[in-house]
N, C-alpha and C. Protein backbone atom coordinates (compact mmCIF):
# COMPACT_ATOMS: atom_id res chain seq x y z
N MET A 1 1.07 -1.05 -0.02
CA MET A 1 0.05 0.16 -0.13
C MET A 1 0.87 1.28 0.39
N ASP A 2 0.46 2.21 -0.99
CA ASP A 2 1.23 3.20 -0.71
C ASP A 2 0.97 4.35 0.37
N ALA A 3 1.91 5.24 0.44
CA ALA A 3 1.54 6.53 1.19
C ALA A 3 0.23 7.14 1.43
N LYS A 4 -0.53 7.36 0.26
CA LYS A 4 -1.71 7.86 0.12
C LYS A 4 -2.54 6.93 0.67
N GLN A 5 -2.67 5.58 0.05
CA GLN A 5 -3.76 4.54 0.38
C GLN A 5 -3.55 4.57 1.93
N THR A 6 -2.28 4.37 2.65
CA THR A 6 -2.25 3.76 4.05
C THR A 6 -2.55 5.49 5.08
N ALA A 7 -2.73 6.53 4.62
CA ALA A 7 -3.06 7.38 4.98
C ALA A 7 -4.42 7.52 4.93
N TRP A 8 -4.62 7.64 3.97
CA TRP A 8 -6.62 7.48 3.82
C TRP A 8 -6.97 6.21 4.80
N ARG A 9 -6.65 5.53 4.71
CA ARG A 9 -7.45 3.77 4.99
C ARG A 9 -7.14 4.53 6.82
N TYR A 10 -6.25 4.90 7.54
CA TYR A 10 -6.29 5.17 8.84
C TYR A 10 -7.19 6.36 8.82
N LEU A 11 -7.35 7.37 8.05
CA LEU A 11 -8.47 8.54 8.23
C LEU A 11 -9.72 7.79 8.25
N GLN A 12 -9.99 7.01 7.54
CA GLN A 12 -11.63 6.26 7.02
C GLN A 12 -11.85 5.35 8.42
N GLY A 13 -10.76 4.76 8.78
CA GLY A 13 -10.84 4.10 10.29
C GLY A 13 -11.39 5.25 11.35
N LEU A 14 -10.71 6.13 11.40
CA LEU A 14 -11.24 7.05 12.43
C LEU A 14 -12.56 7.81 12.24
N ARG A 15 -12.53 8.23 10.92
CA ARG A 15 -14.16 8.11 10.87
C ARG A 15 -15.35 7.35 11.51
N GLU A 16 -14.73 6.38 11.12
CA GLU A 16 -16.05 5.46 11.93
C GLU A 16 -15.76 5.32 13.18
N THR A 17 -14.91 5.47 13.80
CA THR A 17 -14.46 5.77 15.23
C THR A 17 -15.82 6.92 15.37
N VAL A 18 -15.40 7.90 15.17
CA VAL A 18 -16.08 9.30 15.41
C VAL A 18 -17.56 9.08 15.44
N LEU A 19 -18.06 8.19 14.11
CA LEU A 19 -19.38 7.89 14.22
C LEU A 19 -19.82 7.06 15.15
N TRP A 20 -19.18 5.98 15.75
CA TRP A 20 -19.52 5.51 16.79
C TRP A 20 -19.59 5.76 17.87
N LYS A 21 -18.99 6.67 18.32
CA LYS A 21 -18.95 7.43 19.68
C LYS A 21 -20.30 8.09 20.22
N VAL A 22 -20.82 8.87 18.90
CA VAL A 22 -22.13 9.26 19.11
C VAL A 22 -23.21 8.19 19.07
N GLU A 23 -23.07 7.25 18.64
CA GLU A 23 -24.52 6.55 18.26
C GLU A 23 -24.93 5.79 19.11
N GLY A 24 -26.34 6.14 19.55
CA GLY A 24 -26.84 4.82 20.38
C GLY A 24 -27.34 5.91 21.86
N LEU A 25 -27.21 7.13 21.64
CA LEU A 25 -27.26 8.29 22.74
C LEU A 25 -28.49 8.90 22.51
N THR A 26 -28.67 9.30 23.39
CA THR A 26 -29.96 10.35 23.32
C THR A 26 -29.72 11.63 23.06
N GLU A 27 -30.23 12.69 22.28
CA GLU A 27 -30.42 13.87 21.69
C GLU A 27 -29.24 14.70 22.79
N ARG A 28 -30.22 14.52 23.91
CA ARG A 28 -29.56 15.14 25.33
C ARG A 28 -28.16 14.98 25.22
N ASP A 29 -27.78 14.05 25.87
CA ASP A 29 -26.47 13.23 25.82
C ASP A 29 -25.44 13.60 24.83
N GLN A 30 -25.79 13.82 23.10
CA GLN A 30 -24.89 13.92 22.11
C GLN A 30 -24.77 15.61 22.26
N ARG A 31 -25.72 16.22 22.79
CA ARG A 31 -25.26 17.80 23.07
C ARG A 31 -24.70 18.48 23.94
N MET A 32 -24.74 17.42 25.29
CA MET A 32 -24.69 17.81 26.46
C MET A 32 -23.09 18.19 26.65
N PRO A 33 -22.76 19.85 26.61
CA PRO A 33 -21.55 19.93 27.34
C PRO A 33 -20.63 19.51 28.55
N LEU A 34 -19.60 18.82 28.38
CA LEU A 34 -19.09 17.60 29.29
C LEU A 34 -17.90 18.71 29.84
N THR A 35 -17.23 19.91 29.40
CA THR A 35 -16.29 20.26 29.79
C THR A 35 -16.40 22.04 30.21
N PRO A 36 -15.44 22.30 30.66
CA PRO A 36 -15.83 24.15 30.96
C PRO A 36 -15.57 24.60 29.52
N THR A 37 -14.94 24.07 28.36
CA THR A 37 -15.14 25.23 27.27
C THR A 37 -16.37 24.57 26.47
N GLY A 38 -17.16 23.46 27.02
CA GLY A 38 -18.53 23.31 26.29
C GLY A 38 -18.21 22.14 25.07
N THR A 39 -17.08 21.83 25.25
CA THR A 39 -16.69 20.40 24.51
C THR A 39 -18.53 19.42 24.42
N ASN A 40 -18.65 18.75 23.42
CA ASN A 40 -19.89 17.91 23.06
C ASN A 40 -19.54 17.03 21.99
N LEU A 41 -20.12 15.95 21.97
CA LEU A 41 -20.14 14.85 20.80
C LEU A 41 -20.67 15.81 20.04
N LEU A 42 -21.89 16.13 19.55
CA LEU A 42 -22.30 16.51 18.27
C LEU A 42 -21.35 18.08 17.88
N GLY A 43 -21.21 18.81 18.84
CA GLY A 43 -20.04 19.70 18.42
C GLY A 43 -18.90 19.20 17.60
N VAL A 44 -18.51 18.29 17.93
CA VAL A 44 -17.01 17.85 17.71
C VAL A 44 -16.84 17.09 16.62
N VAL A 45 -18.53 16.33 16.02
CA VAL A 45 -18.43 16.15 14.88
C VAL A 45 -18.85 17.11 14.22
N LYS A 46 -19.69 17.90 14.21
CA LYS A 46 -19.48 19.22 13.36
C LYS A 46 -18.63 19.87 12.85
N HIS A 47 -17.56 20.13 14.00
CA HIS A 47 -16.66 20.74 13.60
C HIS A 47 -15.55 19.63 12.75
N LEU A 48 -15.38 18.56 12.73
CA LEU A 48 -14.71 17.79 11.76
C LEU A 48 -15.11 17.83 10.42
N ALA A 49 -16.79 18.27 10.41
CA ALA A 49 -17.46 17.99 8.91
C ALA A 49 -16.64 19.10 8.29
N GLY A 50 -16.71 20.48 9.31
CA GLY A 50 -16.15 21.81 8.91
C GLY A 50 -14.57 21.37 7.92
N VAL A 51 -14.05 21.00 8.86
CA VAL A 51 -12.55 21.11 8.82
C VAL A 51 -12.34 20.16 7.49
N GLU A 52 -12.97 18.95 7.39
CA GLU A 52 -12.61 18.32 6.45
C GLU A 52 -13.02 18.79 4.91
N ALA A 53 -14.27 19.59 5.10
CA ALA A 53 -14.91 20.18 3.93
C ALA A 53 -13.87 21.50 3.42
N GLU A 54 -13.15 22.22 4.11
CA GLU A 54 -11.91 22.97 4.05
C GLU A 54 -10.98 22.43 3.19
N TYR A 55 -10.15 21.21 3.82
CA TYR A 55 -9.11 20.57 3.62
C TYR A 55 -9.35 19.84 2.01
N PHE A 56 -10.19 18.79 2.13
CA PHE A 56 -10.39 18.35 0.78
C PHE A 56 -11.32 18.93 -0.02
N GLY A 57 -11.58 20.08 0.32
CA GLY A 57 -12.95 20.95 -0.88
C GLY A 57 -11.73 22.18 -1.45
N ALA A 58 -11.85 23.36 -1.04
CA ALA A 58 -11.22 24.42 -1.18
C ALA A 58 -9.78 24.58 -1.43
N CYS A 59 -9.12 24.08 -0.22
CA CYS A 59 -7.76 23.56 -0.35
C CYS A 59 -7.09 22.42 -1.52
N LEU A 60 -8.00 21.71 -2.14
CA LEU A 60 -7.70 21.26 -3.10
C LEU A 60 -8.29 21.77 -4.65
N GLY A 61 -8.89 23.09 -4.71
CA GLY A 61 -9.54 23.52 -5.45
C GLY A 61 -10.90 22.99 -5.80
N ARG A 62 -11.47 22.57 -5.10
CA ARG A 62 -13.17 21.99 -5.09
C ARG A 62 -13.99 21.91 -4.00
N PRO A 63 -14.12 23.32 -3.64
CA PRO A 63 -14.84 23.59 -2.61
C PRO A 63 -16.24 23.20 -2.62
N TRP A 64 -16.43 23.03 -1.04
CA TRP A 64 -17.69 22.13 -0.58
C TRP A 64 -19.25 22.97 -1.33
N PRO A 65 -19.69 22.62 -1.74
CA PRO A 65 -21.02 23.24 -2.76
C PRO A 65 -22.19 24.16 -1.36
N GLU A 66 -22.13 23.55 -0.24
CA GLU A 66 -23.12 23.84 0.44
C GLU A 66 -22.67 24.77 1.49
N PRO A 67 -23.68 25.92 1.48
CA PRO A 67 -22.85 26.98 2.97
C PRO A 67 -22.85 26.56 4.24
N MET A 68 -21.92 26.53 4.81
CA MET A 68 -22.07 26.63 6.43
C MET A 68 -22.16 27.73 6.99
N ALA A 69 -22.90 27.94 8.02
CA ALA A 69 -23.34 29.03 8.98
C ALA A 69 -22.31 29.53 9.98
N PHE A 70 -21.27 28.47 10.09
CA PHE A 70 -20.27 28.57 10.97
C PHE A 70 -18.97 29.60 10.14
N TRP A 71 -18.92 29.40 8.86
CA TRP A 71 -17.93 29.77 8.16
C TRP A 71 -18.41 31.52 7.61
N ALA A 72 -19.47 31.80 8.09
CA ALA A 72 -19.82 33.45 7.64
C ALA A 72 -18.70 34.39 8.59
N ASP A 73 -18.51 35.28 7.88
CA ASP A 73 -17.81 36.34 8.68
C ASP A 73 -18.44 36.70 10.33
N ASP A 74 -19.93 36.79 9.88
CA ASP A 74 -20.09 37.40 11.17
C ASP A 74 -20.73 36.21 12.29
N ALA A 75 -20.41 34.63 12.27
CA ALA A 75 -20.69 33.79 12.76
C ALA A 75 -20.14 33.98 14.31
N GLU A 76 -20.50 33.83 15.26
CA GLU A 76 -19.63 33.55 16.60
C GLU A 76 -18.93 32.72 16.54
N PRO A 77 -17.95 33.13 17.62
CA PRO A 77 -16.31 32.50 17.96
C PRO A 77 -17.14 30.94 18.38
N ASN A 78 -16.54 29.76 18.24
CA ASN A 78 -16.62 28.31 18.31
C ASN A 78 -18.23 28.01 17.35
N ALA A 79 -18.63 28.71 16.56
CA ALA A 79 -20.19 28.30 16.03
C ALA A 79 -19.87 26.71 15.72
N ASP A 80 -19.04 26.58 15.48
CA ASP A 80 -18.43 25.16 14.95
C ASP A 80 -18.70 23.86 15.68
N MET A 81 -18.35 24.38 16.81
CA MET A 81 -18.20 23.17 18.03
C MET A 81 -19.66 23.17 18.92
N TRP A 82 -20.94 23.15 18.31
CA TRP A 82 -22.10 22.72 19.02
C TRP A 82 -23.08 23.15 17.87
N ALA A 83 -24.15 22.31 18.25
CA ALA A 83 -25.47 22.10 17.24
C ALA A 83 -26.31 22.82 17.60
N THR A 84 -26.74 23.73 17.10
CA THR A 84 -27.89 24.78 17.16
C THR A 84 -29.12 23.94 17.35
N ALA A 85 -30.26 24.59 17.92
CA ALA A 85 -31.29 23.74 18.24
C ALA A 85 -31.86 23.55 17.13
N GLU A 86 -31.77 24.01 16.16
CA GLU A 86 -32.44 23.90 14.69
C GLU A 86 -31.84 22.84 13.96
N GLU A 87 -30.38 22.27 14.54
CA GLU A 87 -29.66 21.05 13.62
C GLU A 87 -30.03 20.26 14.63
N SER A 88 -30.38 19.19 14.23
CA SER A 88 -30.93 17.75 14.82
C SER A 88 -29.60 16.80 14.74
N PRO A 89 -29.38 15.81 15.66
CA PRO A 89 -28.33 15.22 15.69
C PRO A 89 -28.24 14.36 14.40
N ALA A 90 -29.48 13.75 13.61
CA ALA A 90 -29.58 13.43 12.16
C ALA A 90 -28.84 14.06 11.37
N ASP A 91 -28.76 15.51 11.30
CA ASP A 91 -28.42 16.76 10.68
C ASP A 91 -27.22 16.90 10.63
N VAL A 92 -26.81 16.83 11.86
CA VAL A 92 -24.95 16.91 11.93
C VAL A 92 -24.42 15.60 11.79
N LEU A 93 -24.98 14.69 11.98
CA LEU A 93 -24.23 13.07 11.40
C LEU A 93 -24.35 13.26 9.78
N ASP A 94 -25.43 13.33 9.33
CA ASP A 94 -25.83 13.65 7.81
C ASP A 94 -24.55 14.40 7.10
N LEU A 95 -24.60 15.60 7.71
CA LEU A 95 -23.39 16.42 7.24
C LEU A 95 -22.18 15.67 6.85
N TYR A 96 -21.56 15.13 8.37
CA TYR A 96 -20.45 14.31 8.26
C TYR A 96 -20.58 13.46 7.31
N ARG A 97 -21.32 12.73 7.09
CA ARG A 97 -21.19 11.41 6.08
C ARG A 97 -21.15 12.38 4.73
N ARG A 98 -21.93 13.18 4.40
CA ARG A 98 -21.87 13.76 3.24
C ARG A 98 -20.52 14.34 3.11
N VAL A 99 -19.84 15.02 3.70
CA VAL A 99 -18.56 15.93 3.70
C VAL A 99 -17.39 14.75 3.79
N THR A 100 -17.71 13.43 4.36
CA THR A 100 -16.58 12.14 3.97
C THR A 100 -16.81 11.90 2.84
N ALA A 101 -18.20 11.65 2.24
CA ALA A 101 -17.92 11.00 0.75
C ALA A 101 -17.24 11.92 -0.35
N PHE A 102 -17.94 13.47 0.16
CA PHE A 102 -17.59 14.15 -0.84
C PHE A 102 -15.85 14.33 -1.00
N ALA A 103 -15.16 14.31 0.60
CA ALA A 103 -13.64 14.21 0.59
C ALA A 103 -13.03 13.27 -0.03
N ASP A 104 -13.70 11.74 0.01
CA ASP A 104 -13.34 10.56 -0.45
C ASP A 104 -13.53 10.78 -1.89
N GLU A 105 -14.41 11.61 -2.69
CA GLU A 105 -14.55 11.71 -4.07
C GLU A 105 -13.23 12.55 -4.42
N THR A 106 -13.12 13.70 -3.98
CA THR A 106 -11.87 14.48 -4.17
C THR A 106 -10.42 13.76 -4.12
N ILE A 107 -10.49 12.92 -3.26
CA ILE A 107 -9.12 12.31 -2.82
C ILE A 107 -9.05 11.11 -3.57
N GLU A 108 -9.78 10.23 -3.91
CA GLU A 108 -9.55 9.07 -4.97
C GLU A 108 -8.91 9.06 -6.12
N PRO A 109 -9.28 10.55 -7.45
CA PRO A 109 -8.58 10.29 -7.95
C PRO A 109 -6.94 10.83 -8.31
N LEU A 110 -6.78 11.66 -7.18
CA LEU A 110 -5.57 12.55 -6.96
C LEU A 110 -4.25 11.55 -6.59
N PRO A 111 -3.13 12.06 -7.26
CA PRO A 111 -1.95 11.32 -6.48
C PRO A 111 -1.73 11.83 -5.30
N PRO A 112 -0.97 11.51 -4.68
CA PRO A 112 -0.25 11.78 -3.27
C PRO A 112 0.07 12.87 -3.19
N ASP A 113 1.01 13.41 -4.45
CA ASP A 113 1.94 14.66 -4.29
C ASP A 113 0.82 15.85 -5.03
N ALA A 114 -0.52 15.76 -5.18
CA ALA A 114 -1.25 16.65 -5.96
C ALA A 114 -1.20 18.12 -5.10
N PRO A 115 -1.23 18.79 -6.05
CA PRO A 115 -0.90 20.23 -5.29
C PRO A 115 -2.21 20.53 -4.50
N ALA A 116 -1.82 21.18 -3.03
CA ALA A 116 -2.69 21.66 -2.31
C ALA A 116 -2.31 23.10 -1.85
N SER A 117 -3.43 24.10 -1.60
CA SER A 117 -2.97 24.98 -0.55
C SER A 117 -3.82 25.51 0.47
N VAL A 118 -3.17 25.85 1.46
CA VAL A 118 -3.55 25.93 2.95
C VAL A 118 -3.67 27.33 3.41
N PRO A 119 -4.50 28.32 3.01
CA PRO A 119 -4.03 29.80 3.03
C PRO A 119 -4.18 30.27 4.44
N TRP A 120 -4.40 29.32 5.63
CA TRP A 120 -4.37 29.83 7.05
C TRP A 120 -2.48 29.10 7.58
N TRP A 121 -2.02 28.29 6.56
CA TRP A 121 -0.97 27.79 7.33
C TRP A 121 0.17 28.64 6.89
N ARG A 122 1.20 28.73 7.75
CA ARG A 122 2.44 29.61 7.83
C ARG A 122 2.87 29.47 6.15
N THR A 123 3.16 28.02 5.84
CA THR A 123 3.71 27.92 4.38
C THR A 123 2.37 27.18 3.63
N PRO A 124 1.81 27.84 2.85
CA PRO A 124 0.27 27.26 2.34
C PRO A 124 0.29 26.51 1.12
N GLU A 125 1.81 26.27 0.78
CA GLU A 125 1.68 25.22 -0.38
C GLU A 125 1.95 23.90 0.14
N THR A 126 1.37 23.09 -0.06
CA THR A 126 1.51 21.66 0.32
C THR A 126 0.97 20.43 -0.99
N ASP A 127 0.68 19.56 -0.28
CA ASP A 127 0.05 18.52 -1.18
C ASP A 127 -0.96 17.75 -0.54
N LEU A 128 -1.59 16.48 -1.24
CA LEU A 128 -2.59 15.83 -0.81
C LEU A 128 -2.13 14.90 0.26
N HIS A 129 -0.98 14.41 -0.10
CA HIS A 129 -0.59 13.40 1.29
C HIS A 129 -0.73 14.21 2.91
N THR A 130 -0.09 15.31 2.65
CA THR A 130 0.59 16.30 3.88
C THR A 130 -1.35 16.36 4.57
N LEU A 131 -2.06 16.70 3.62
CA LEU A 131 -3.39 17.01 4.19
C LEU A 131 -4.22 15.87 4.65
N LEU A 132 -3.97 14.61 4.23
CA LEU A 132 -4.61 13.25 4.59
C LEU A 132 -3.96 13.02 6.03
N VAL A 133 -2.49 13.08 5.95
CA VAL A 133 -1.83 13.31 7.61
C VAL A 133 -2.46 13.95 8.49
N HIS A 134 -2.70 15.57 8.18
CA HIS A 134 -2.99 16.53 8.95
C HIS A 134 -4.38 16.23 9.24
N MET A 135 -5.28 15.78 8.42
CA MET A 135 -6.67 15.47 8.66
C MET A 135 -6.75 14.28 9.48
N ALA A 136 -5.89 13.12 9.17
CA ALA A 136 -5.96 11.69 10.19
C ALA A 136 -5.74 12.27 11.74
N VAL A 137 -4.67 13.25 11.91
CA VAL A 137 -4.24 13.46 13.43
C VAL A 137 -5.26 14.08 13.95
N GLU A 138 -5.95 15.79 13.05
CA GLU A 138 -6.85 16.12 13.58
C GLU A 138 -8.05 15.18 13.76
N THR A 139 -8.42 14.07 13.55
CA THR A 139 -9.36 13.33 13.33
C THR A 139 -9.04 12.54 14.74
N ALA A 140 -8.06 12.09 15.06
CA ALA A 140 -7.70 10.98 15.72
C ALA A 140 -7.52 12.02 17.36
N ARG A 141 -7.11 13.08 17.15
CA ARG A 141 -7.32 14.07 18.59
C ARG A 141 -8.47 14.20 18.68
N HIS A 142 -9.63 14.54 17.92
CA HIS A 142 -11.35 14.52 18.13
C HIS A 142 -11.64 13.22 18.75
N ALA A 143 -11.35 12.26 18.20
CA ALA A 143 -11.86 10.89 18.40
C ALA A 143 -11.59 10.75 20.22
N GLY A 144 -10.14 10.95 20.21
CA GLY A 144 -9.90 10.66 21.53
C GLY A 144 -10.56 11.47 22.61
N GLN A 145 -10.71 12.56 22.60
CA GLN A 145 -12.01 13.64 22.88
C GLN A 145 -13.07 12.81 23.25
N LEU A 146 -13.45 12.48 21.58
CA LEU A 146 -15.45 11.78 21.68
C LEU A 146 -15.05 10.40 23.38
N ASP A 147 -13.99 9.57 22.95
CA ASP A 147 -14.09 8.62 23.97
C ASP A 147 -14.13 9.01 25.11
N ILE A 148 -13.25 9.72 25.70
CA ILE A 148 -13.36 10.18 26.79
C ILE A 148 -15.16 10.84 27.43
N LEU A 149 -15.48 11.96 26.36
CA LEU A 149 -16.75 12.13 26.82
C LEU A 149 -17.81 11.14 26.75
N ARG A 150 -17.80 10.14 25.72
CA ARG A 150 -18.54 9.13 25.75
C ARG A 150 -18.80 7.96 27.31
N GLU A 151 -17.44 7.85 27.61
CA GLU A 151 -17.38 6.93 28.97
C GLU A 151 -17.82 7.90 29.90
N GLN A 152 -18.03 8.66 30.03
CA GLN A 152 -18.47 9.99 31.28
C GLN A 152 -19.71 9.70 31.29
N LEU A 153 -20.29 10.06 29.66
CA LEU A 153 -22.09 9.64 29.64
C LEU A 153 -22.36 8.32 29.99
N ASP A 154 -22.05 7.22 29.41
CA ASP A 154 -22.59 5.74 29.72
C ASP A 154 -21.56 4.64 29.96
N GLY A 155 -20.45 5.24 30.04
CA GLY A 155 -19.29 3.90 30.44
C GLY A 155 -18.90 3.22 29.33
N ALA A 156 -19.64 3.51 27.67
CA ALA A 156 -19.08 2.55 26.60
C ALA A 156 -17.51 3.44 26.28
N ARG A 157 -16.65 2.36 26.29
CA ARG A 157 -15.38 2.98 25.88
C ARG A 157 -14.42 1.79 24.64
N GLY A 158 -13.73 2.17 24.33
CA GLY A 158 -12.85 1.35 23.29
C GLY A 158 -12.45 2.19 21.76
N LEU A 159 -11.47 1.40 21.28
CA LEU A 159 -11.52 1.92 19.92
C LEU A 159 -12.64 1.57 19.17
N ARG A 160 -13.34 1.24 18.95
CA ARG A 160 -14.92 1.00 17.96
C ARG A 160 -15.62 -0.41 18.51
N ASP A 161 -16.50 -0.28 18.08
CA ASP A 161 -17.36 -1.43 18.23
C ASP A 161 -16.97 -2.58 17.94
N GLY A 162 -17.03 -3.87 18.82
CA GLY A 162 -16.42 -4.63 18.85
C GLY A 162 -14.65 -5.08 19.07
N MET A 163 -13.76 -3.80 19.31
CA MET A 163 -12.98 -3.80 19.39
C MET A 163 -12.35 -3.06 20.27
N THR A 164 -12.27 -3.46 21.51
CA THR A 164 -11.95 -2.35 22.63
C THR A 164 -10.38 -1.70 22.87
N ASN A 165 -9.64 -2.85 22.97
CA ASN A 165 -8.16 -2.37 22.65
C ASN A 165 -7.90 -2.50 24.26
N LEU A 166 -9.15 -2.92 25.50
CA LEU A 166 -9.21 -2.95 26.33
C LEU A 166 -8.91 -4.21 27.06
N PRO A 167 -8.13 -4.02 28.45
CA PRO A 167 -8.41 -5.76 28.96
C PRO A 167 -9.26 -6.23 28.82
N ASP A 168 -9.43 -7.74 29.16
CA ASP A 168 -11.12 -8.27 28.84
C ASP A 168 -11.31 -8.55 30.51
N VAL A 169 -11.43 -7.68 31.24
CA VAL A 169 -12.06 -7.82 32.53
C VAL A 169 -13.30 -7.44 33.01
N ASP A 170 -13.99 -7.92 34.16
CA ASP A 170 -15.44 -7.35 34.65
C ASP A 170 -15.39 -6.08 35.15
N GLU A 171 -16.52 -5.53 35.08
CA GLU A 171 -16.45 -4.08 35.64
C GLU A 171 -15.95 -3.84 37.40
N ALA A 172 -16.03 -5.16 38.00
CA ALA A 172 -15.36 -4.94 39.33
C ALA A 172 -13.99 -4.70 39.14
N TRP A 173 -13.36 -5.48 38.26
CA TRP A 173 -12.07 -5.28 38.23
C TRP A 173 -11.87 -3.99 37.87
N TRP A 174 -12.20 -3.00 37.17
CA TRP A 174 -12.36 -1.51 36.50
C TRP A 174 -12.71 -0.92 37.66
N GLU A 175 -13.15 -1.24 38.68
CA GLU A 175 -13.79 -0.17 39.76
C GLU A 175 -12.68 -0.29 40.56
N ALA A 176 -11.90 -1.52 41.21
CA ALA A 176 -10.51 -1.66 41.91
C ALA A 176 -9.37 -1.02 41.02
N TYR A 177 -9.57 -1.00 40.09
CA TYR A 177 -8.26 -0.57 39.22
C TYR A 177 -8.33 1.00 39.76
N VAL A 178 -9.32 1.44 39.20
CA VAL A 178 -9.74 2.95 39.12
C VAL A 178 -9.52 3.54 40.87
N ALA A 179 -9.99 2.76 41.60
CA ALA A 179 -9.80 2.92 43.48
C ALA A 179 -8.29 2.83 43.55
N ARG A 180 -7.70 1.74 43.25
CA ARG A 180 -6.26 1.85 43.76
C ARG A 180 -5.59 3.41 42.84
N LEU A 181 -5.79 3.58 41.79
CA LEU A 181 -5.21 4.76 40.83
C LEU A 181 -5.23 5.94 41.80
N ARG A 182 -7.15 6.03 41.84
CA ARG A 182 -7.23 7.43 42.82
C ARG A 182 -6.30 7.47 44.13
N GLY A 183 -6.64 6.39 45.15
CA GLY A 183 -5.70 5.90 46.15
C GLY A 183 -4.26 6.23 45.99
N ILE A 184 -3.29 6.23 45.27
CA ILE A 184 -1.89 6.55 44.67
C ILE A 184 -1.71 8.04 44.31
N ALA A 185 -3.10 8.65 43.72
CA ALA A 185 -3.13 10.14 43.36
C ALA A 185 -3.36 11.01 44.57
N GLU A 186 -4.23 10.55 45.57
CA GLU A 186 -4.43 10.95 47.02
C GLU A 186 -3.15 11.16 47.78
N ARG A 187 -2.65 9.87 47.62
CA ARG A 187 -1.19 10.01 48.92
C ARG A 187 -0.18 10.87 48.21
N SER A 188 -0.18 11.37 46.90
CA SER A 188 0.97 11.80 46.24
C SER A 188 0.69 13.27 46.63
N GLY A 189 -0.41 13.94 47.12
CA GLY A 189 -0.50 14.94 47.80
C GLY A 189 -0.83 16.07 46.44
């Protein structure tokens, strides 16, 4: 597998993880801000949709065809990090799926050294491979946030459905493990 296919395959796997982390929860839980900066599941997915649309759209000369309100000059700060009352969870998840399909249509025919331009980077001129690596890293970062948020909400954890990458132990083991770690932390002052 070449460098483009490898980076793209990792990005596609991370996209699946992102969607899995949001599925099966109530709308309230999908929207609920769980950090002091308001980080929430739907907001992270909406943000990733916007970032993919930019990197695999305009940066490769194929702008995303749908307007995104959070791109407007008069949009409030952080507007891409939460779903408005008018945006249902289905709307946000559908946007993410449409954007990633659009991105894949852009990526598929291009060679890894296809030129790209990212105007907000210090050195704007780059290539498709760099965008793929950048987007995989961006998605992995946010998938990690989603992982922690989801575990706080309902205890679901792991890499993706059917593949936790965690020890195969029962809940009693986890409770004892966390208690032991908490004890060490408390004794350390």
